[in-house]
């Protein structure tokens, strides 16, 4: 992302500003200012030339500069009109030594979900992967997945959709008949050693303004639920919410997750690597284990595929 272009954009957002004033403020030539303004116009920003100077009239619906503009989180935006997988792109950036990058794509052509399940990622959705290098041991990585789910559910709620979370990371919308429809999911990948994480990629996929015909069975979108289908605002809220949660006390992620949880209090069946656990989901404990009350006592489930059966009596 061009930092000078973002500074030009930020200056224009503050009101009309002349070319000479911009050049002085940014310590660049007037010719460079003109080039940056033209580049913004090419990127879809409406910049008019008035007697008082350049004025920003409109921001494009989506795009790298649009997402980066006024983003209140310390992530460089790596934008692609189309990419195979934002997680794969983030992994490549990690191999190059990058950090604190949000890979954003208008569409993914080779995306995947948990357990390598197929994940539809057409245009109209928010597809982003955040590359970070947290100073934590690998055992604490699950809390970052929970944080991403919370940030996504909160972004959906801000857009007007009553979303909640199924353990650990599916963002769902409850239906009137007691069921749910899937709105978003999270896929986390990492590389590290026994005592530290080398890099962490948290991929988030959300159906924001996806055409109904492009959605798989059982899925929904912000638009279908009557929410405000603004992809730029949605991805910004997700990135900002995720950063706020993981940049502070990680213990604070769990109460935020509980507040949005749909799983707690449900009778669940969880398919784990060690077998099926069935009972009532009672709580989560750090860094993200689900506590299931079974006939034989409380089971601590750290990984698995969770199915809601019915509310507990």
C-alpha atoms as a PDB file:
ATOM      1  CA  UNK A   1       0.000   0.000   0.000  1.00  0.00           C
ATOM      2  CA  UNK A   2       1.327   3.444  -0.936  1.00  0.00           C
ATOM      3  CA  UNK A   3       1.694   5.358   2.347  1.00  0.00           C
ATOM      4  CA  UNK A   4       1.989   8.761   0.641  1.00  0.00           C
ATOM      5  CA  UNK A   5      -1.230   8.118  -1.292  1.00  0.00           C
ATOM      6  CA  UNK A   6      -3.005   7.293   1.947  1.00  0.00           C
ATOM      7  CA  UNK A   7      -1.708  10.540   3.448  1.00  0.00           C
ATOM      8  CA  UNK A   8      -3.005  12.458   0.436  1.00  0.00           C
ATOM      9  CA  UNK A   9      -6.356  10.745   0.869  1.00  0.00           C
ATOM     10  CA  UNK A  10      -6.454  11.561   4.580  1.00  0.00           C
ATOM     11  CA  UNK A  11      -5.696  15.219   3.831  1.00  0.00           C
ATOM     12  CA  UNK A  12      -8.447  15.394   1.207  1.00  0.00           C
ATOM     13  CA  UNK A  13     -10.926  13.859   3.641  1.00  0.00           C
ATOM     14  CA  UNK A  14     -10.368  16.851   5.929  1.00  0.00           C
ATOM     15  CA  UNK A  15     -11.830  19.251   3.388  1.00  0.00           C
ATOM     16  CA  UNK A  16     -10.698  21.138   0.270  1.00  0.00           C
ATOM     17  CA  UNK A  17      -6.932  21.518   0.142  1.00  0.00           C
ATOM     18  CA  UNK A  18      -4.761  23.124  -2.488  1.00  0.00           C
ATOM     19  CA  UNK A  19      -2.026  21.355  -4.399  1.00  0.00           C
ATOM     20  CA  UNK A  20       0.743  23.574  -2.971  1.00  0.00           C
ATOM     21  CA  UNK A  21      -0.548  23.040   0.576  1.00  0.00           C
ATOM     22  CA  UNK A  22      -0.583  19.289   0.033  1.00  0.00           C
ATOM     23  CA  UNK A  23       2.912  19.356  -1.412  1.00  0.00           C
ATOM     24  CA  UNK A  24       4.239  21.288   1.590  1.00  0.00           C
ATOM     25  CA  UNK A  25       2.442  19.133   4.143  1.00  0.00           C
ATOM     26  CA  UNK A  26       3.644  15.869   2.602  1.00  0.00           C
ATOM     27  CA  UNK A  27       7.064  17.123   1.532  1.00  0.00           C
ATOM     28  CA  UNK A  28       6.559  16.107  -2.099  1.00  0.00           C
ATOM     29  CA  UNK A  29       6.454  18.027  -5.360  1.00  0.00           C
ATOM     30  CA  UNK A  30       3.257  19.492  -6.801  1.00  0.00           C
ATOM     31  CA  UNK A  31       3.694  17.119  -9.745  1.00  0.00           C
ATOM     32  CA  UNK A  32       3.740  14.195  -7.299  1.00  0.00           C
ATOM     33  CA  UNK A  33       0.541  15.484  -5.677  1.00  0.00           C
ATOM     34  CA  UNK A  34      -1.152  15.577  -9.084  1.00  0.00           C
ATOM     35  CA  UNK A  35      -0.034  12.003  -9.816  1.00  0.00           C
ATOM     36  CA  UNK A  36      -1.387  10.787  -6.498  1.00  0.00           C
ATOM     37  CA  UNK A  37      -4.709  12.528  -7.079  1.00  0.00           C
ATOM     38  CA  UNK A  38      -4.977  10.953 -10.531  1.00  0.00           C
ATOM     39  CA  UNK A  39      -4.161   7.553  -9.064  1.00  0.00           C
ATOM     40  CA  UNK A  40      -6.954   8.016  -6.518  1.00  0.00           C
ATOM     41  CA  UNK A  41      -9.362   8.869  -9.306  1.00  0.00           C
ATOM     42  CA  UNK A  42      -8.256   5.770 -11.217  1.00  0.00           C
ATOM     43  CA  UNK A  43      -8.976   3.734  -8.072  1.00  0.00           C
ATOM     44  CA  UNK A  44     -12.569   4.980  -8.033  1.00  0.00           C
ATOM     45  CA  UNK A  45     -12.330   7.924  -5.646  1.00  0.00           C
ATOM     46  CA  UNK A  46     -14.240  10.993  -6.786  1.00  0.00           C
ATOM     47  CA  UNK A  47     -11.892  13.956  -6.356  1.00  0.00           C
ATOM     48  CA  UNK A  48     -13.025  17.296  -7.712  1.00  0.00           C
ATOM     49  CA  UNK A  49     -10.912  20.377  -8.399  1.00  0.00           C
ATOM     50  CA  UNK A  50     -12.491  23.507  -6.932  1.00  0.00           C
ATOM     51  CA  UNK A  51     -11.430  27.091  -6.388  1.00  0.00           C
ATOM     52  CA  UNK A  52     -10.480  26.051  -2.858  1.00  0.00           C
ATOM     53  CA  UNK A  53      -8.385  23.102  -4.041  1.00  0.00           C
ATOM     54  CA  UNK A  54      -8.932  19.364  -4.302  1.00  0.00           C
ATOM     55  CA  UNK A  55     -12.006  17.932  -2.602  1.00  0.00           C
ATOM     56  CA  UNK A  56     -12.898  14.311  -1.865  1.00  0.00           C
ATOM     57  CA  UNK A  57     -16.526  13.802  -2.934  1.00  0.00           C
ATOM     58  CA  UNK A  58     -16.984  10.018  -2.784  1.00  0.00           C
ATOM     59  CA  UNK A  59     -15.191   6.819  -1.775  1.00  0.00           C
ATOM     60  CA  UNK A  60     -15.470   3.647  -3.887  1.00  0.00           C
ATOM     61  CA  UNK A  61     -17.495   0.762  -2.513  1.00  0.00           C
ATOM     62  CA  UNK A  62     -14.468  -1.509  -2.177  1.00  0.00           C
ATOM     63  CA  UNK A  63     -10.775  -1.824  -2.979  1.00  0.00           C
ATOM     64  CA  UNK A  64      -7.424  -1.655  -1.232  1.00  0.00           C
ATOM     65  CA  UNK A  65      -7.250   2.105  -0.730  1.00  0.00           C
ATOM     66  CA  UNK A  66     -10.926   2.220   0.221  1.00  0.00           C
ATOM     67  CA  UNK A  67     -10.418  -0.390   2.958  1.00  0.00           C
ATOM     68  CA  UNK A  68      -7.184   1.197   4.198  1.00  0.00           C
ATOM     69  CA  UNK A  69      -8.722   4.701   4.304  1.00  0.00           C
ATOM     70  CA  UNK A  70      -9.751   5.490   7.890  1.00  0.00           C
ATOM     71  CA  UNK A  71      -9.003   1.916   9.014  1.00  0.00           C
ATOM     72  CA  UNK A  72      -8.349   2.158  12.755  1.00  0.00           C
ATOM     73  CA  UNK A  73      -6.099  -0.901  12.990  1.00  0.00           C
ATOM     74  CA  UNK A  74      -2.348  -1.215  12.291  1.00  0.00           C
ATOM     75  CA  UNK A  75      -2.619  -3.518   9.281  1.00  0.00           C
ATOM     76  CA  UNK A  76      -1.241  -2.944   5.807  1.00  0.00           C
ATOM     77  CA  UNK A  77      -3.912  -3.851   3.262  1.00  0.00           C
ATOM     78  CA  UNK A  78      -2.862  -6.274   0.524  1.00  0.00           C
ATOM     79  CA  UNK A  79      -5.823  -6.142  -1.879  1.00  0.00           C
ATOM     80  CA  UNK A  80      -6.628  -8.442  -4.792  1.00  0.00           C
ATOM     81  CA  UNK A  81      -9.540  -8.348  -7.189  1.00  0.00           C
ATOM     82  CA  UNK A  82      -9.303 -12.135  -7.368  1.00  0.00           C
ATOM     83  CA  UNK A  83      -7.065 -14.608  -5.567  1.00  0.00           C
ATOM     84  CA  UNK A  84      -7.017 -18.339  -5.040  1.00  0.00           C
ATOM     85  CA  UNK A  85      -7.013 -18.082  -1.251  1.00  0.00           C
ATOM     86  CA  UNK A  86      -6.338 -15.135   1.036  1.00  0.00           C
ATOM     87  CA  UNK A  87      -4.906 -17.561   3.582  1.00  0.00           C
ATOM     88  CA  UNK A  88      -2.443 -18.915   1.015  1.00  0.00           C
ATOM     89  CA  UNK A  89      -1.442 -15.378   0.041  1.00  0.00           C
ATOM     90  CA  UNK A  90      -0.926 -14.492   3.716  1.00  0.00           C
ATOM     91  CA  UNK A  91       1.208 -17.624   4.173  1.00  0.00           C
ATOM     92  CA  UNK A  92       3.404 -16.487   1.258  1.00  0.00           C
ATOM     93  CA  UNK A  93       3.771 -13.061   2.853  1.00  0.00           C
ATOM     94  CA  UNK A  94       4.705 -14.739   6.141  1.00  0.00           C
ATOM     95  CA  UNK A  95       7.444 -16.682   4.344  1.00  0.00           C
ATOM     96  CA  UNK A  96       8.752 -13.328   3.065  1.00  0.00           C
ATOM     97  CA  UNK A  97       8.991 -12.014   6.619  1.00  0.00           C
ATOM     98  CA  UNK A  98       5.927  -9.751   6.510  1.00  0.00           C
ATOM     99  CA  UNK A  99       3.733  -9.063   9.528  1.00  0.00           C
ATOM    100  CA  UNK A 100       0.579  -7.139  10.400  1.00  0.00           C
ATOM    101  CA  UNK A 101      -0.970  -7.488   6.956  1.00  0.00           C
ATOM    102  CA  UNK A 102      -4.637  -7.898   6.059  1.00  0.00           C
ATOM    103  CA  UNK A 103      -5.013  -9.714   2.755  1.00  0.00           C
ATOM    104  CA  UNK A 104      -8.353  -8.718   1.243  1.00  0.00           C
ATOM    105  CA  UNK A 105      -9.920 -10.080  -1.944  1.00  0.00           C
ATOM    106  CA  UNK A 106     -13.075  -9.312  -3.887  1.00  0.00           C
ATOM    107  CA  UNK A 107     -13.352 -13.035  -4.612  1.00  0.00           C
ATOM    108  CA  UNK A 108     -11.506 -16.277  -3.901  1.00  0.00           C
ATOM    109  CA  UNK A 109     -11.304 -19.012  -6.490  1.00  0.00           C
ATOM    110  CA  UNK A 110      -9.717 -21.742  -4.375  1.00  0.00           C
ATOM    111  CA  UNK A 111     -10.944 -21.109  -0.857  1.00  0.00           C
ATOM    112  CA  UNK A 112     -11.474 -23.736   1.816  1.00  0.00           C
ATOM    113  CA  UNK A 113     -13.013 -24.036   5.237  1.00  0.00           C
ATOM    114  CA  UNK A 114     -12.208 -26.095   8.309  1.00  0.00           C
ATOM    115  CA  UNK A 115     -11.222 -29.717   7.680  1.00  0.00           C
ATOM    116  CA  UNK A 116     -10.527 -28.745   4.036  1.00  0.00           C
ATOM    117  CA  UNK A 117     -14.225 -28.371   3.319  1.00  0.00           C
ATOM    118  CA  UNK A 118     -15.189 -26.457   0.205  1.00  0.00           C
ATOM    119  CA  UNK A 119     -16.013 -22.817   0.941  1.00  0.00           C
ATOM    120  CA  UNK A 120     -17.813 -20.650  -1.600  1.00  0.00           C
ATOM    121  CA  UNK A 121     -16.229 -17.189  -1.827  1.00  0.00           C
ATOM    122  CA  UNK A 122     -17.823 -15.282  -4.712  1.00  0.00           C
ATOM    123  CA  UNK A 123     -17.987 -11.548  -5.257  1.00  0.00           C
ATOM    124  CA  UNK A 124     -20.064  -9.669  -2.756  1.00  0.00           C
ATOM    125  CA  UNK A 125     -18.498 -11.253   0.302  1.00  0.00           C
ATOM    126  CA  UNK A 126     -15.761 -10.161   2.677  1.00  0.00           C
ATOM    127  CA  UNK A 127     -12.753 -12.447   2.314  1.00  0.00           C
ATOM    128  CA  UNK A 128      -9.784 -11.438   4.428  1.00  0.00           C
ATOM    129  CA  UNK A 129      -6.825 -13.076   6.171  1.00  0.00           C
ATOM    130  CA  UNK A 130      -4.859 -11.334   8.888  1.00  0.00           C
ATOM    131  CA  UNK A 131      -1.173 -12.127   9.226  1.00  0.00           C
ATOM    132  CA  UNK A 132       0.248 -11.454  12.688  1.00  0.00           C
ATOM    133  CA  UNK A 133       3.223 -12.586  14.737  1.00  0.00           C
ATOM    134  CA  UNK A 134       1.944 -12.695  18.328  1.00  0.00           C
ATOM    135  CA  UNK A 135       4.333 -13.297  21.177  1.00  0.00           C
ATOM    136  CA  UNK A 136       2.442 -16.319  22.515  1.00  0.00           C
ATOM    137  CA  UNK A 137       3.006 -20.084  22.665  1.00  0.00           C
ATOM    138  CA  UNK A 138       1.153 -22.221  20.104  1.00  0.00           C
ATOM    139  CA  UNK A 139      -1.168 -23.546  22.810  1.00  0.00           C
ATOM    140  CA  UNK A 140      -2.815 -20.112  23.011  1.00  0.00           C
ATOM    141  CA  UNK A 141      -3.623 -19.832  19.290  1.00  0.00           C
ATOM    142  CA  UNK A 142      -7.285 -20.944  19.687  1.00  0.00           C
ATOM    143  CA  UNK A 143      -8.095 -17.696  21.472  1.00  0.00           C
ATOM    144  CA  UNK A 144      -7.278 -15.800  18.268  1.00  0.00           C
ATOM    145  CA  UNK A 145      -9.878 -17.870  16.431  1.00  0.00           C
ATOM    146  CA  UNK A 146     -12.452 -16.979  19.073  1.00  0.00           C
ATOM    147  CA  UNK A 147     -11.485 -13.308  18.801  1.00  0.00           C
ATOM    148  CA  UNK A 148     -12.012 -13.358  15.039  1.00  0.00           C
ATOM    149  CA  UNK A 149     -15.446 -14.923  15.478  1.00  0.00           C
ATOM    150  CA  UNK A 150     -16.393 -12.252  18.015  1.00  0.00           C
ATOM    151  CA  UNK A 151     -15.176  -9.450  15.746  1.00  0.00           C
ATOM    152  CA  UNK A 152     -17.171 -10.876  12.840  1.00  0.00           C
ATOM    153  CA  UNK A 153     -20.354 -11.357  14.864  1.00  0.00           C
ATOM    154  CA  UNK A 154     -20.042  -7.816  16.191  1.00  0.00           C
ATOM    155  CA  UNK A 155     -19.563  -6.437  12.672  1.00  0.00           C
ATOM    156  CA  UNK A 156     -22.702  -8.272  11.580  1.00  0.00           C
ATOM    157  CA  UNK A 157     -24.643  -6.849  14.499  1.00  0.00           C
ATOM    158  CA  UNK A 158     -23.426  -3.366  13.666  1.00  0.00           C
ATOM    159  CA  UNK A 159     -24.759  -3.987  10.155  1.00  0.00           C
ATOM    160  CA  UNK A 160     -28.150  -4.880  11.619  1.00  0.00           C
ATOM    161  CA  UNK A 161     -27.993  -8.690  11.699  1.00  0.00           C
ATOM    162  CA  UNK A 162     -28.633 -10.637  14.919  1.00  0.00           C
ATOM    163  CA  UNK A 163     -25.613 -12.920  14.612  1.00  0.00           C
ATOM    164  CA  UNK A 164     -24.104 -15.270  17.165  1.00  0.00           C
ATOM    165  CA  UNK A 165     -21.320 -17.856  17.357  1.00  0.00           C
ATOM    166  CA  UNK A 166     -21.359 -21.633  17.272  1.00  0.00           C
ATOM    167  CA  UNK A 167     -18.251 -23.036  18.945  1.00  0.00           C
ATOM    168  CA  UNK A 168     -15.636 -22.315  18.060  1.00  0.00           C
ATOM    169  CA  UNK A 169     -15.825 -20.075  15.012  1.00  0.00           C
ATOM    170  CA  UNK A 170     -18.987 -20.278  12.907  1.00  0.00           C
ATOM    171  CA  UNK A 171     -21.025 -17.079  12.826  1.00  0.00           C
ATOM    172  CA  UNK A 172     -24.703 -17.962  12.505  1.00  0.00           C
ATOM    173  CA  UNK A 173     -28.050 -16.200  12.294  1.00  0.00           C
ATOM    174  CA  UNK A 174     -30.861 -17.816  14.324  1.00  0.00           C
ATOM    175  CA  UNK A 175     -34.121 -18.502  12.490  1.00  0.00           C
ATOM    176  CA  UNK A 176     -37.692 -18.282  13.765  1.00  0.00           C
ATOM    177  CA  UNK A 177     -38.092 -22.067  13.686  1.00  0.00           C
ATOM    178  CA  UNK A 178     -35.185 -22.564  16.083  1.00  0.00           C
ATOM    179  CA  UNK A 179     -32.585 -23.318  13.422  1.00  0.00           C
ATOM    180  CA  UNK A 180     -29.683 -21.282  12.152  1.00  0.00           C
ATOM    181  CA  UNK A 181     -28.183 -20.096   8.878  1.00  0.00           C
ATOM    182  CA  UNK A 182     -24.438 -19.669   8.383  1.00  0.00           C
ATOM    183  CA  UNK A 183     -23.195 -16.150   7.774  1.00  0.00           C
ATOM    184  CA  UNK A 184     -19.421 -16.448   8.235  1.00  0.00           C
ATOM    185  CA  UNK A 185     -16.550 -18.692   9.257  1.00  0.00           C
ATOM    186  CA  UNK A 186     -12.958 -18.517  10.449  1.00  0.00           C
ATOM    187  CA  UNK A 187      -9.955 -20.619   9.431  1.00  0.00           C
ATOM    188  CA  UNK A 188      -6.746 -20.245  11.449  1.00  0.00           C
ATOM    189  CA  UNK A 189      -3.316 -21.518  10.384  1.00  0.00           C
ATOM    190  CA  UNK A 190       0.047 -21.126  12.075  1.00  0.00           C
ATOM    191  CA  UNK A 191       3.678 -22.063  12.091  1.00  0.00           C
ATOM    192  CA  UNK A 192       5.787 -22.157  15.200  1.00  0.00           C
ATOM    193  CA  UNK A 193       7.970 -23.999  17.622  1.00  0.00           C
ATOM    194  CA  UNK A 194       7.161 -25.575  20.957  1.00  0.00           C
ATOM    195  CA  UNK A 195       7.362 -22.320  22.888  1.00  0.00           C
ATOM    196  CA  UNK A 196       6.422 -19.634  20.385  1.00  0.00           C
ATOM    197  CA  UNK A 197       4.373 -18.834  17.315  1.00  0.00           C
ATOM    198  CA  UNK A 198       6.390 -17.837  14.253  1.00  0.00           C
ATOM    199  CA  UNK A 199       3.370 -16.544  12.368  1.00  0.00           C
ATOM    200  CA  UNK A 200      -0.388 -16.782  12.569  1.00  0.00           C
ATOM    201  CA  UNK A 201      -2.903 -16.368   9.752  1.00  0.00           C
ATOM    202  CA  UNK A 202      -6.542 -15.865  10.677  1.00  0.00           C
ATOM    203  CA  UNK A 203      -8.825 -16.156   7.660  1.00  0.00           C
ATOM    204  CA  UNK A 204     -12.333 -14.711   7.840  1.00  0.00           C
ATOM    205  CA  UNK A 205     -15.024 -15.246   5.243  1.00  0.00           C
ATOM    206  CA  UNK A 206     -18.385 -13.494   5.505  1.00  0.00           C
ATOM    207  CA  UNK A 207     -21.365 -13.393   3.171  1.00  0.00           C
ATOM    208  CA  UNK A 208     -22.158  -9.700   3.085  1.00  0.00           C
ATOM    209  CA  UNK A 209     -23.707  -8.860  -0.293  1.00  0.00           C
ATOM    210  CA  UNK A 210     -23.449 -12.233  -2.028  1.00  0.00           C
ATOM    211  CA  UNK A 211     -26.238 -13.044  -4.482  1.00  0.00           C
ATOM    212  CA  UNK A 212     -28.668 -15.569  -3.026  1.00  0.00           C
ATOM    213  CA  UNK A 213     -28.097 -17.838  -6.040  1.00  0.00           C
ATOM    214  CA  UNK A 214     -24.387 -18.042  -5.180  1.00  0.00           C
ATOM    215  CA  UNK A 215     -24.914 -19.123  -1.584  1.00  0.00           C
ATOM    216  CA  UNK A 216     -24.764 -22.789  -0.589  1.00  0.00           C
ATOM    217  CA  UNK A 217     -27.716 -24.435   1.115  1.00  0.00           C
ATOM    218  CA  UNK A 218     -28.072 -23.343   4.719  1.00  0.00           C
ATOM    219  CA  UNK A 219     -26.161 -20.096   4.251  1.00  0.00           C
ATOM    220  CA  UNK A 220     -27.321 -16.502   4.429  1.00  0.00           C
ATOM    221  CA  UNK A 221     -25.904 -13.024   3.945  1.00  0.00           C
ATOM    222  CA  UNK A 222     -26.118  -9.612   5.556  1.00  0.00           C
ATOM    223  CA  UNK A 223     -28.210  -8.439   2.609  1.00  0.00           C
ATOM    224  CA  UNK A 224     -30.611 -11.397   2.837  1.00  0.00           C
ATOM    225  CA  UNK A 225     -31.112 -10.712   6.549  1.00  0.00           C
ATOM    226  CA  UNK A 226     -32.055  -7.093   5.831  1.00  0.00           C
ATOM    227  CA  UNK A 227     -28.795  -5.621   7.138  1.00  0.00           C
ATOM    228  CA  UNK A 228     -26.622  -2.879   5.680  1.00  0.00           C
ATOM    229  CA  UNK A 229     -24.519  -4.701   3.083  1.00  0.00           C
ATOM    230  CA  UNK A 230     -21.502  -2.359   3.118  1.00  0.00           C
ATOM    231  CA  UNK A 231     -18.414  -4.522   2.532  1.00  0.00           C
ATOM    232  CA  UNK A 232     -15.948  -1.727   3.232  1.00  0.00           C
ATOM    233  CA  UNK A 233     -17.477  -0.907   6.614  1.00  0.00           C
ATOM    234  CA  UNK A 234     -17.858  -4.600   7.450  1.00  0.00           C
ATOM    235  CA  UNK A 235     -14.239  -5.570   6.823  1.00  0.00           C
ATOM    236  CA  UNK A 236     -13.003  -2.467   8.627  1.00  0.00           C
ATOM    237  CA  UNK A 237     -15.093  -3.308  11.706  1.00  0.00           C
ATOM    238  CA  UNK A 238     -13.847  -6.912  11.618  1.00  0.00           C
ATOM    239  CA  UNK A 239     -10.190  -5.877  11.423  1.00  0.00           C
ATOM    240  CA  UNK A 240     -10.579  -3.203  14.083  1.00  0.00           C
ATOM    241  CA  UNK A 241     -12.503  -5.484  16.408  1.00  0.00           C
ATOM    242  CA  UNK A 242     -10.010  -8.309  16.011  1.00  0.00           C
ATOM    243  CA  UNK A 243      -7.063  -6.002  16.716  1.00  0.00           C
ATOM    244  CA  UNK A 244      -8.743  -4.539  19.803  1.00  0.00           C
ATOM    245  CA  UNK A 245      -9.361  -8.013  21.225  1.00  0.00           C
ATOM    246  CA  UNK A 246      -5.930  -9.533  20.601  1.00  0.00           C
ATOM    247  CA  UNK A 247      -3.802  -6.484  21.380  1.00  0.00           C
ATOM    248  CA  UNK A 248      -4.854  -6.407  25.019  1.00  0.00           C
ATOM    249  CA  UNK A 249      -5.433  -9.007  27.724  1.00  0.00           C
ATOM    250  CA  UNK A 250      -6.261 -12.234  25.879  1.00  0.00           C
ATOM    251  CA  UNK A 251      -8.306 -13.417  28.866  1.00  0.00           C
ATOM    252  CA  UNK A 252     -10.842 -10.722  27.914  1.00  0.00           C
ATOM    253  CA  UNK A 253     -11.644 -12.574  24.672  1.00  0.00           C
ATOM    254  CA  UNK A 254     -13.585 -15.310  26.480  1.00  0.00           C
ATOM    255  CA  UNK A 255     -16.261 -13.107  28.087  1.00  0.00           C
ATOM    256  CA  UNK A 256     -16.690 -11.346  24.736  1.00  0.00           C
ATOM    257  CA  UNK A 257     -17.152 -14.752  23.086  1.00  0.00           C
ATOM    258  CA  UNK A 258     -19.624 -15.900  25.752  1.00  0.00           C
ATOM    259  CA  UNK A 259     -21.699 -12.784  25.129  1.00  0.00           C
ATOM    260  CA  UNK A 260     -22.160 -13.812  21.486  1.00  0.00           C
ATOM    261  CA  UNK A 261     -22.284 -17.598  22.010  1.00  0.00           C
ATOM    262  CA  UNK A 262     -25.164 -19.652  20.645  1.00  0.00           C
ATOM    263  CA  UNK A 263     -23.619 -22.946  21.794  1.00  0.00           C
ATOM    264  CA  UNK A 264     -23.664 -22.493  25.557  1.00  0.00           C
ATOM    265  CA  UNK A 265     -26.728 -24.059  27.084  1.00  0.00           C
ATOM    266  CA  UNK A 266     -27.294 -26.265  24.037  1.00  0.00           C
ATOM    267  CA  UNK A 267     -27.180 -30.029  23.951  1.00  0.00           C
ATOM    268  CA  UNK A 268     -24.366 -30.726  21.501  1.00  0.00           C
ATOM    269  CA  UNK A 269     -22.604 -33.529  19.719  1.00  0.00           C
ATOM    270  CA  UNK A 270     -18.921 -32.877  19.049  1.00  0.00           C
ATOM    271  CA  UNK A 271     -16.917 -35.139  16.774  1.00  0.00           C
ATOM    272  CA  UNK A 272     -13.371 -35.029  18.117  1.00  0.00           C
ATOM    273  CA  UNK A 273     -10.197 -36.842  17.053  1.00  0.00           C
ATOM    274  CA  UNK A 274     -10.731 -39.124  20.039  1.00  0.00           C
ATOM    275  CA  UNK A 275     -14.409 -39.875  19.458  1.00  0.00           C
ATOM    276  CA  UNK A 276     -17.844 -38.326  19.879  1.00  0.00           C
ATOM    277  CA  UNK A 277     -18.655 -36.209  22.921  1.00  0.00           C
ATOM    278  CA  UNK A 278     -22.347 -35.567  23.595  1.00  0.00           C
ATOM    279  CA  UNK A 279     -23.862 -33.511  26.368  1.00  0.00           C
ATOM    280  CA  UNK A 280     -24.696 -29.952  27.371  1.00  0.00           C
ATOM    281  CA  UNK A 281     -22.246 -27.185  26.474  1.00  0.00           C
ATOM    282  CA  UNK A 282     -21.703 -25.332  29.735  1.00  0.00           C
ATOM    283  CA  UNK A 283     -18.784 -22.968  29.211  1.00  0.00           C
ATOM    284  CA  UNK A 284     -15.502 -22.202  27.462  1.00  0.00           C
ATOM    285  CA  UNK A 285     -12.158 -21.933  29.178  1.00  0.00           C
ATOM    286  CA  UNK A 286      -8.912 -20.352  28.027  1.00  0.00           C
ATOM    287  CA  UNK A 287      -7.701 -20.563  25.345  1.00  0.00           C
ATOM    288  CA  UNK A 288     -10.959 -21.807  23.836  1.00  0.00           C
ATOM    289  CA  UNK A 289     -11.831 -25.301  25.066  1.00  0.00           C
ATOM    290  CA  UNK A 290     -15.525 -26.199  25.227  1.00  0.00           C
ATOM    291  CA  UNK A 291     -16.702 -27.702  28.522  1.00  0.00           C
ATOM    292  CA  UNK A 292     -19.390 -30.308  27.853  1.00  0.00           C
ATOM    293  CA  UNK A 293     -21.359 -31.852  30.683  1.00  0.00           C
ATOM    294  CA  UNK A 294     -21.885 -35.517  29.822  1.00  0.00           C
ATOM    295  CA  UNK A 295     -23.435 -38.418  31.703  1.00  0.00           C
ATOM    296  CA  UNK A 296     -19.896 -39.330  32.829  1.00  0.00           C
ATOM    297  CA  UNK A 297     -18.842 -35.865  33.929  1.00  0.00           C
ATOM    298  CA  UNK A 298     -17.473 -32.734  32.307  1.00  0.00           C
ATOM    299  CA  UNK A 299     -15.425 -33.261  29.148  1.00  0.00           C
ATOM    300  CA  UNK A 300     -12.925 -30.611  28.017  1.00  0.00           C
ATOM    301  CA  UNK A 301     -13.052 -30.458  24.209  1.00  0.00           C
ATOM    302  CA  UNK A 302     -10.190 -28.626  22.538  1.00  0.00           C
ATOM    303  CA  UNK A 303     -10.984 -29.411  18.898  1.00  0.00           C
ATOM    304  CA  UNK A 304     -13.858 -30.895  17.011  1.00  0.00           C
ATOM    305  CA  UNK A 305     -16.866 -30.468  14.788  1.00  0.00           C
ATOM    306  CA  UNK A 306     -19.768 -29.219  16.903  1.00  0.00           C
ATOM    307  CA  UNK A 307     -23.440 -29.881  16.138  1.00  0.00           C
ATOM    308  CA  UNK A 308     -26.259 -28.236  18.066  1.00  0.00           C
ATOM    309  CA  UNK A 309     -28.910 -30.804  18.964  1.00  0.00           C
ATOM    310  CA  UNK A 310     -31.416 -28.840  21.035  1.00  0.00           C
ATOM    311  CA  UNK A 311     -31.518 -26.427  23.973  1.00  0.00           C
ATOM    312  CA  UNK A 312     -30.810 -28.088  27.289  1.00  0.00           C
ATOM    313  CA  UNK A 313     -33.779 -28.602  29.595  1.00  0.00           C
END
